[in-house]
Amino acid sequence: MPGESLPRSEELKFKQLRENAGLSQEALARALDVTSKTVSNWERGVSPASLTIPQVKTLCKLLNITLEELPDLRGPNAK
């Protein structure tokens, strides 16, 4: 359903991973070619992430994690 937020634990995990990597929202946004508002929205659960495969690879590399460790940022209706 539109407007549903992400599970709080996933939001917090994503923010923590970004902060642990020493990245600001702006720096991560630049690397992924999205706006810092978009990154903020993911972290607050306002909107799900819609990333291309190259963006996902970049995100994992920047956060120093594997794909399996990446929090589910697709939102509650993802299949």
Protein backbone atom coordinates (compact mmCIF):
# COMPACT_ATOMS: atom_id res chain seq x y z
CA MET A 1 0.00 0.00 0.00
CA PRO A 2 1.45 3.43 -0.91
CA GLY A 3 2.75 5.37 2.01
CA GLU A 4 3.62 2.30 4.11
CA SER A 5 6.96 2.65 5.79
CA LEU A 6 9.84 0.21 5.95
CA PRO A 7 10.33 -1.90 9.06
CA ARG A 8 12.11 0.31 11.58
CA SER A 9 14.99 -2.13 12.07
CA GLU A 10 15.85 -2.06 8.35
CA GLU A 11 15.88 1.75 8.30
CA LEU A 12 18.14 1.91 11.33
CA LYS A 13 20.45 -0.77 9.96
CA PHE A 14 20.85 1.12 6.68
CA LYS A 15 21.61 4.40 8.45
CA GLN A 16 24.08 2.66 10.77
CA LEU A 17 25.88 1.02 7.84
CA ARG A 18 26.17 4.38 6.08
CA GLU A 19 27.49 6.07 9.20
CA ASN A 20 29.91 3.20 9.93
CA ALA A 21 31.29 3.62 6.42
CA GLY A 22 31.94 7.28 7.21
CA LEU A 23 29.57 8.52 4.53
CA SER A 24 27.22 11.46 4.71
CA GLN A 25 23.83 11.23 3.06
CA GLU A 26 25.14 13.66 0.43
CA ALA A 27 28.24 11.58 -0.35
CA LEU A 28 26.22 8.39 -0.68
CA ALA A 29 23.67 10.16 -2.85
CA ARG A 30 26.38 11.45 -5.20
CA ALA A 31 27.92 7.98 -5.53
CA LEU A 32 24.53 6.45 -6.37
CA ASP A 33 23.39 9.33 -8.59
CA VAL A 34 20.35 10.07 -6.43
CA THR A 35 19.51 13.07 -4.26
CA SER A 36 20.38 13.34 -0.58
CA LYS A 37 16.64 13.67 0.04
CA THR A 38 16.20 10.22 -1.52
CA VAL A 39 18.76 8.73 0.88
CA SER A 40 17.05 10.49 3.78
CA ASN A 41 13.70 9.08 2.67
CA TRP A 42 15.13 5.54 2.66
CA GLU A 43 16.51 6.02 6.15
CA ARG A 44 13.23 7.37 7.46
CA GLY A 45 11.13 4.76 5.67
CA VAL A 46 9.31 7.38 3.63
CA SER A 47 9.99 5.66 0.32
CA PRO A 48 11.44 2.33 -0.78
CA ALA A 49 14.73 2.20 -2.65
CA SER A 50 14.53 1.60 -6.36
CA LEU A 51 18.10 0.88 -7.42
CA THR A 52 19.63 -0.52 -10.56
CA ILE A 53 22.00 -3.48 -10.33
CA PRO A 54 25.04 -1.22 -10.81
CA GLN A 55 23.77 1.05 -8.03
CA VAL A 56 23.30 -1.93 -5.70
CA LYS A 57 26.85 -3.09 -6.43
CA THR A 58 28.17 0.41 -5.73
CA LEU A 59 26.15 0.62 -2.52
CA CYS A 60 27.50 -2.69 -1.25
CA LYS A 61 31.06 -1.67 -2.10
CA LEU A 62 30.71 1.70 -0.37
CA LEU A 63 29.18 0.15 2.73
CA ASN A 64 31.71 -2.72 2.65
CA ILE A 65 29.00 -5.36 2.80
CA THR A 66 27.78 -8.26 0.68
CA LEU A 67 24.45 -8.28 -1.08
CA GLU A 68 23.13 -10.67 1.57
CA GLU A 69 24.00 -8.16 4.30
CA LEU A 70 22.20 -5.29 2.57
CA PRO A 71 19.02 -4.28 4.43
CA ASP A 72 15.78 -4.80 2.54
CA LEU A 73 14.90 -1.30 1.40
CA ARG A 74 12.24 -2.30 -1.11
CA GLY A 75 9.33 -1.61 1.19
CA PRO A 76 6.69 -3.89 2.70
CA ASN A 77 4.99 -4.88 -0.58
CA ALA A 78 8.08 -6.17 -2.38
CA LYS A 79 7.97 -9.72 -3.60
